[in-house]
Amino acid sequence: MPDFEKIMANNEAPEVTANFFVLYKDEEAWINGWISMEASLEEFISMLQEEIEYSWELENVDMEDYLIFHIDLEDKNNLKEINDDNYYHWVKLLDEIFIVVLHKDIKYRIIENIPPVFEWFMGTL
Protein backbone atom coordinates (compact mmCIF):
# COMPACT_ATOMS: atom_id res chain seq x y z
CA MET A 1 0.00 0.00 0.00
CA PRO A 2 1.41 3.44 -0.91
CA ASP A 3 2.53 5.81 1.85
CA PHE A 4 0.19 8.74 1.11
CA GLU A 5 1.79 11.05 3.67
CA LYS A 6 5.19 10.62 2.03
CA ILE A 7 3.67 11.15 -1.42
CA MET A 8 1.94 14.36 -0.29
CA ALA A 9 5.12 15.64 1.39
CA ASN A 10 7.00 15.16 -1.88
CA ASN A 11 4.29 17.04 -3.79
CA GLU A 12 4.36 20.12 -1.57
CA ALA A 13 6.03 23.06 -3.21
CA PRO A 14 9.10 24.35 -1.37
CA GLU A 15 8.78 27.69 0.38
CA VAL A 16 9.69 30.60 -1.86
CA THR A 17 11.06 33.72 -0.20
CA ALA A 18 11.78 37.18 -1.52
CA ASN A 19 13.84 40.11 -0.40
CA PHE A 20 11.32 42.96 0.00
CA PHE A 21 11.19 46.71 0.51
CA VAL A 22 8.09 48.80 1.35
CA LEU A 23 8.31 52.58 0.97
CA TYR A 24 5.81 55.04 2.41
CA LYS A 25 4.74 58.13 0.42
CA ASP A 26 7.06 60.47 2.36
CA GLU A 27 9.98 58.33 1.11
CA GLU A 28 11.43 58.42 4.62
CA ALA A 29 9.62 55.50 6.25
CA TRP A 30 10.35 52.02 4.96
CA ILE A 31 10.40 48.35 5.85
CA ASN A 32 12.74 45.76 4.42
CA GLY A 33 13.64 42.14 4.97
CA TRP A 34 12.63 38.69 3.76
CA ILE A 35 9.07 37.56 3.15
CA SER A 36 7.42 34.31 2.15
CA MET A 37 5.78 34.26 -1.27
CA GLU A 38 2.35 32.90 -0.41
CA ALA A 39 0.26 30.57 -2.59
CA SER A 40 -1.69 33.41 -4.22
CA LEU A 41 -1.26 37.12 -4.82
CA GLU A 42 -4.24 37.82 -2.56
CA GLU A 43 -2.61 35.93 0.33
CA PHE A 44 0.69 37.69 -0.34
CA ILE A 45 -0.99 41.11 -0.22
CA SER A 46 -2.63 40.14 3.07
CA MET A 47 0.76 39.18 4.51
CA LEU A 48 2.26 42.48 3.32
CA GLN A 49 -0.59 44.36 4.96
CA GLU A 50 0.05 42.58 8.27
CA GLU A 51 3.76 43.40 8.02
CA ILE A 52 3.07 47.09 7.34
CA GLU A 53 0.53 47.36 10.15
CA TYR A 54 2.87 45.66 12.61
CA SER A 55 6.04 47.54 11.62
CA TRP A 56 4.47 50.99 11.46
CA GLU A 57 2.04 50.35 14.32
CA LEU A 58 -0.96 51.15 12.13
CA GLU A 59 -4.40 49.64 11.87
CA ASN A 60 -6.38 48.87 8.72
CA VAL A 61 -3.78 49.86 6.13
CA ASP A 62 -5.48 50.20 2.75
CA MET A 63 -3.39 48.12 0.36
CA GLU A 64 -5.16 49.88 -2.52
CA ASP A 65 -2.77 52.76 -1.71
CA TYR A 66 0.23 50.60 -2.64
CA LEU A 67 1.55 49.04 -5.82
CA ILE A 68 3.63 45.86 -5.82
CA PHE A 69 6.61 45.46 -8.15
CA HIS A 70 9.55 43.18 -8.69
CA ILE A 71 12.95 44.17 -9.97
CA ASP A 72 13.82 42.33 -13.15
CA LEU A 73 17.48 41.43 -12.73
CA GLU A 74 18.00 41.54 -16.49
CA ASP A 75 16.82 45.17 -16.54
CA LYS A 76 17.79 46.46 -13.09
CA ASN A 77 16.52 49.98 -13.62
CA ASN A 78 12.84 49.21 -14.11
CA LEU A 79 10.20 48.06 -11.70
CA LYS A 80 7.64 45.67 -13.16
CA GLU A 81 4.22 45.69 -11.55
CA ILE A 82 2.76 42.50 -10.13
CA ASN A 83 -0.95 42.99 -10.63
CA ASP A 84 -2.36 39.54 -11.34
CA ASP A 85 -1.98 36.00 -10.06
CA ASN A 86 -0.42 34.65 -13.27
CA TYR A 87 2.42 37.16 -13.21
CA TYR A 88 2.83 36.64 -9.46
CA HIS A 89 3.31 32.90 -10.02
CA TRP A 90 5.83 33.61 -12.80
CA VAL A 91 7.83 35.84 -10.40
CA LYS A 92 7.82 33.03 -7.82
CA LEU A 93 9.78 30.88 -10.29
CA LEU A 94 12.73 33.30 -10.41
CA ASP A 95 16.00 32.34 -8.72
CA GLU A 96 16.30 35.69 -6.92
CA ILE A 97 13.24 37.76 -6.10
CA PHE A 98 13.29 41.43 -5.12
CA ILE A 99 9.86 42.84 -4.26
CA VAL A 100 9.30 46.59 -4.02
CA VAL A 101 6.04 47.96 -2.60
CA LEU A 102 5.50 51.68 -3.22
CA HIS A 103 2.82 54.05 -2.07
CA LYS A 104 0.82 55.26 -5.09
CA ASP A 105 1.97 58.85 -4.44
CA ILE A 106 5.47 57.82 -5.53
CA LYS A 107 5.40 58.19 -9.30
CA TYR A 108 8.90 57.00 -10.23
CA ARG A 109 9.30 53.53 -11.69
CA ILE A 110 13.08 53.53 -12.14
CA ILE A 111 14.87 52.54 -8.95
CA GLU A 112 17.69 55.05 -9.47
CA ASN A 113 15.10 57.81 -9.02
CA ILE A 114 14.01 56.44 -5.64
CA PRO A 115 17.11 56.74 -3.41
CA PRO A 116 15.95 54.48 -0.53
CA VAL A 117 15.04 51.69 -2.96
CA PHE A 118 18.26 52.12 -4.95
CA GLU A 119 20.45 52.02 -1.83
CA TRP A 120 18.61 48.96 -0.49
CA PHE A 121 18.84 47.11 -3.81
CA MET A 122 22.53 47.88 -4.32
CA GLY A 123 23.23 46.76 -0.75
CA THR A 124 21.58 43.38 -1.33
CA LEU A 125 23.57 42.44 -4.43
C-alpha atoms as a PDB file:
ATOM      1  CA  MET A   1       0.000   0.000   0.000  1.00  0.00           C
ATOM      2  CA  PRO A   2       1.407   3.442  -0.905  1.00  0.00           C
ATOM      3  CA  ASP A   3       2.533   5.805   1.850  1.00  0.00           C
ATOM      4  CA  PHE A   4       0.187   8.738   1.111  1.00  0.00           C
ATOM      5  CA  GLU A   5       1.793  11.047   3.671  1.00  0.00           C
ATOM      6  CA  LYS A   6       5.186  10.617   2.029  1.00  0.00           C
ATOM      7  CA  ILE A   7       3.673  11.151  -1.421  1.00  0.00           C
ATOM      8  CA  MET A   8       1.939  14.365  -0.287  1.00  0.00           C
ATOM      9  CA  ALA A   9       5.125  15.636   1.392  1.00  0.00           C
ATOM     10  CA  ASN A  10       6.998  15.164  -1.878  1.00  0.00           C
ATOM     11  CA  ASN A  11       4.289  17.044  -3.788  1.00  0.00           C
ATOM     12  CA  GLU A  12       4.358  20.117  -1.570  1.00  0.00           C
ATOM     13  CA  ALA A  13       6.030  23.064  -3.215  1.00  0.00           C
ATOM     14  CA  PRO A  14       9.096  24.352  -1.367  1.00  0.00           C
ATOM     15  CA  GLU A  15       8.780  27.691   0.380  1.00  0.00           C
ATOM     16  CA  VAL A  16       9.689  30.604  -1.862  1.00  0.00           C
ATOM     17  CA  THR A  17      11.056  33.716  -0.205  1.00  0.00           C
ATOM     18  CA  ALA A  18      11.783  37.178  -1.524  1.00  0.00           C
ATOM     19  CA  ASN A  19      13.837  40.112  -0.401  1.00  0.00           C
ATOM     20  CA  PHE A  20      11.316  42.955  -0.004  1.00  0.00           C
ATOM     21  CA  PHE A  21      11.188  46.708   0.512  1.00  0.00           C
ATOM     22  CA  VAL A  22       8.094  48.798   1.346  1.00  0.00           C
ATOM     23  CA  LEU A  23       8.308  52.577   0.967  1.00  0.00           C
ATOM     24  CA  TYR A  24       5.808  55.040   2.407  1.00  0.00           C
ATOM     25  CA  LYS A  25       4.741  58.127   0.420  1.00  0.00           C
ATOM     26  CA  ASP A  26       7.063  60.469   2.360  1.00  0.00           C
ATOM     27  CA  GLU A  27       9.984  58.328   1.106  1.00  0.00           C
ATOM     28  CA  GLU A  28      11.427  58.424   4.625  1.00  0.00           C
ATOM     29  CA  ALA A  29       9.616  55.500   6.250  1.00  0.00           C
ATOM     30  CA  TRP A  30      10.355  52.017   4.960  1.00  0.00           C
ATOM     31  CA  ILE A  31      10.397  48.354   5.850  1.00  0.00           C
ATOM     32  CA  ASN A  32      12.739  45.761   4.423  1.00  0.00           C
ATOM     33  CA  GLY A  33      13.644  42.141   4.966  1.00  0.00           C
ATOM     34  CA  TRP A  34      12.626  38.693   3.763  1.00  0.00           C
ATOM     35  CA  ILE A  35       9.075  37.562   3.145  1.00  0.00           C
ATOM     36  CA  SER A  36       7.424  34.309   2.148  1.00  0.00           C
ATOM     37  CA  MET A  37       5.777  34.256  -1.267  1.00  0.00           C
ATOM     38  CA  GLU A  38       2.351  32.898  -0.413  1.00  0.00           C
ATOM     39  CA  ALA A  39       0.263  30.567  -2.586  1.00  0.00           C
ATOM     40  CA  SER A  40      -1.691  33.407  -4.225  1.00  0.00           C
ATOM     41  CA  LEU A  41      -1.258  37.121  -4.817  1.00  0.00           C
ATOM     42  CA  GLU A  42      -4.238  37.819  -2.563  1.00  0.00           C
ATOM     43  CA  GLU A  43      -2.608  35.932   0.329  1.00  0.00           C
ATOM     44  CA  PHE A  44       0.694  37.689  -0.337  1.00  0.00           C
ATOM     45  CA  ILE A  45      -0.995  41.109  -0.217  1.00  0.00           C
ATOM     46  CA  SER A  46      -2.631  40.144   3.070  1.00  0.00           C
ATOM     47  CA  MET A  47       0.765  39.181   4.512  1.00  0.00           C
ATOM     48  CA  LEU A  48       2.258  42.484   3.316  1.00  0.00           C
ATOM     49  CA  GLN A  49      -0.593  44.356   4.958  1.00  0.00           C
ATOM     50  CA  GLU A  50       0.049  42.585   8.266  1.00  0.00           C
ATOM     51  CA  GLU A  51       3.761  43.398   8.023  1.00  0.00           C
ATOM     52  CA  ILE A  52       3.075  47.090   7.339  1.00  0.00           C
ATOM     53  CA  GLU A  53       0.528  47.363  10.147  1.00  0.00           C
ATOM     54  CA  TYR A  54       2.869  45.659  12.613  1.00  0.00           C
ATOM     55  CA  SER A  55       6.039  47.536  11.621  1.00  0.00           C
ATOM     56  CA  TRP A  56       4.475  50.993  11.458  1.00  0.00           C
ATOM     57  CA  GLU A  57       2.041  50.350  14.322  1.00  0.00           C
ATOM     58  CA  LEU A  58      -0.961  51.155  12.129  1.00  0.00           C
ATOM     59  CA  GLU A  59      -4.400  49.640  11.867  1.00  0.00           C
ATOM     60  CA  ASN A  60      -6.376  48.868   8.723  1.00  0.00           C
ATOM     61  CA  VAL A  61      -3.776  49.860   6.134  1.00  0.00           C
ATOM     62  CA  ASP A  62      -5.475  50.202   2.755  1.00  0.00           C
ATOM     63  CA  MET A  63      -3.388  48.116   0.363  1.00  0.00           C
ATOM     64  CA  GLU A  64      -5.162  49.876  -2.515  1.00  0.00           C
ATOM     65  CA  ASP A  65      -2.772  52.758  -1.707  1.00  0.00           C
ATOM     66  CA  TYR A  66       0.233  50.596  -2.640  1.00  0.00           C
ATOM     67  CA  LEU A  67       1.551  49.039  -5.824  1.00  0.00           C
ATOM     68  CA  ILE A  68       3.631  45.863  -5.818  1.00  0.00           C
ATOM     69  CA  PHE A  69       6.606  45.465  -8.152  1.00  0.00           C
ATOM     70  CA  HIS A  70       9.546  43.184  -8.694  1.00  0.00           C
ATOM     71  CA  ILE A  71      12.954  44.170  -9.968  1.00  0.00           C
ATOM     72  CA  ASP A  72      13.822  42.334 -13.154  1.00  0.00           C
ATOM     73  CA  LEU A  73      17.484  41.429 -12.733  1.00  0.00           C
ATOM     74  CA  GLU A  74      17.996  41.537 -16.487  1.00  0.00           C
ATOM     75  CA  ASP A  75      16.819  45.168 -16.543  1.00  0.00           C
ATOM     76  CA  LYS A  76      17.795  46.455 -13.094  1.00  0.00           C
ATOM     77  CA  ASN A  77      16.516  49.978 -13.618  1.00  0.00           C
ATOM     78  CA  ASN A  78      12.841  49.205 -14.108  1.00  0.00           C
ATOM     79  CA  LEU A  79      10.195  48.063 -11.699  1.00  0.00           C
ATOM     80  CA  LYS A  80       7.641  45.674 -13.159  1.00  0.00           C
ATOM     81  CA  GLU A  81       4.220  45.693 -11.554  1.00  0.00           C
ATOM     82  CA  ILE A  82       2.762  42.504 -10.129  1.00  0.00           C
ATOM     83  CA  ASN A  83      -0.951  42.990 -10.629  1.00  0.00           C
ATOM     84  CA  ASP A  84      -2.360  39.542 -11.338  1.00  0.00           C
ATOM     85  CA  ASP A  85      -1.980  36.004 -10.057  1.00  0.00           C
ATOM     86  CA  ASN A  86      -0.424  34.652 -13.272  1.00  0.00           C
ATOM     87  CA  TYR A  87       2.419  37.161 -13.214  1.00  0.00           C
ATOM     88  CA  TYR A  88       2.827  36.645  -9.455  1.00  0.00           C
ATOM     89  CA  HIS A  89       3.314  32.903 -10.018  1.00  0.00           C
ATOM     90  CA  TRP A  90       5.832  33.606 -12.795  1.00  0.00           C
ATOM     91  CA  VAL A  91       7.830  35.837 -10.397  1.00  0.00           C
ATOM     92  CA  LYS A  92       7.817  33.035  -7.816  1.00  0.00           C
ATOM     93  CA  LEU A  93       9.777  30.881 -10.288  1.00  0.00           C
ATOM     94  CA  LEU A  94      12.733  33.297 -10.407  1.00  0.00           C
ATOM     95  CA  ASP A  95      16.004  32.340  -8.722  1.00  0.00           C
ATOM     96  CA  GLU A  96      16.299  35.687  -6.917  1.00  0.00           C
ATOM     97  CA  ILE A  97      13.236  37.759  -6.100  1.00  0.00           C
ATOM     98  CA  PHE A  98      13.289  41.433  -5.125  1.00  0.00           C
ATOM     99  CA  ILE A  99       9.857  42.840  -4.264  1.00  0.00           C
ATOM    100  CA  VAL A 100       9.298  46.594  -4.016  1.00  0.00           C
ATOM    101  CA  VAL A 101       6.041  47.963  -2.602  1.00  0.00           C
ATOM    102  CA  LEU A 102       5.500  51.677  -3.220  1.00  0.00           C
ATOM    103  CA  HIS A 103       2.819  54.045  -2.070  1.00  0.00           C
ATOM    104  CA  LYS A 104       0.825  55.259  -5.087  1.00  0.00           C
ATOM    105  CA  ASP A 105       1.966  58.846  -4.442  1.00  0.00           C
ATOM    106  CA  ILE A 106       5.475  57.818  -5.529  1.00  0.00           C
ATOM    107  CA  LYS A 107       5.400  58.193  -9.296  1.00  0.00           C
ATOM    108  CA  TYR A 108       8.902  57.004 -10.234  1.00  0.00           C
ATOM    109  CA  ARG A 109       9.304  53.526 -11.693  1.00  0.00           C
ATOM    110  CA  ILE A 110      13.082  53.534 -12.141  1.00  0.00           C
ATOM    111  CA  ILE A 111      14.870  52.537  -8.948  1.00  0.00           C
ATOM    112  CA  GLU A 112      17.692  55.048  -9.475  1.00  0.00           C
ATOM    113  CA  ASN A 113      15.100  57.809  -9.024  1.00  0.00           C
ATOM    114  CA  ILE A 114      14.008  56.440  -5.644  1.00  0.00           C
ATOM    115  CA  PRO A 115      17.110  56.742  -3.406  1.00  0.00           C
ATOM    116  CA  PRO A 116      15.951  54.481  -0.525  1.00  0.00           C
ATOM    117  CA  VAL A 117      15.043  51.687  -2.965  1.00  0.00           C
ATOM    118  CA  PHE A 118      18.259  52.115  -4.949  1.00  0.00           C
ATOM    119  CA  GLU A 119      20.447  52.017  -1.830  1.00  0.00           C
ATOM    120  CA  TRP A 120      18.609  48.956  -0.492  1.00  0.00           C
ATOM    121  CA  PHE A 121      18.842  47.108  -3.811  1.00  0.00           C
ATOM    122  CA  MET A 122      22.528  47.877  -4.324  1.00  0.00           C
ATOM    123  CA  GLY A 123      23.234  46.762  -0.753  1.00  0.00           C
ATOM    124  CA  THR A 124      21.585  43.376  -1.330  1.00  0.00           C
ATOM    125  CA  LEU A 125      23.567  42.438  -4.435  1.00  0.00           C
END
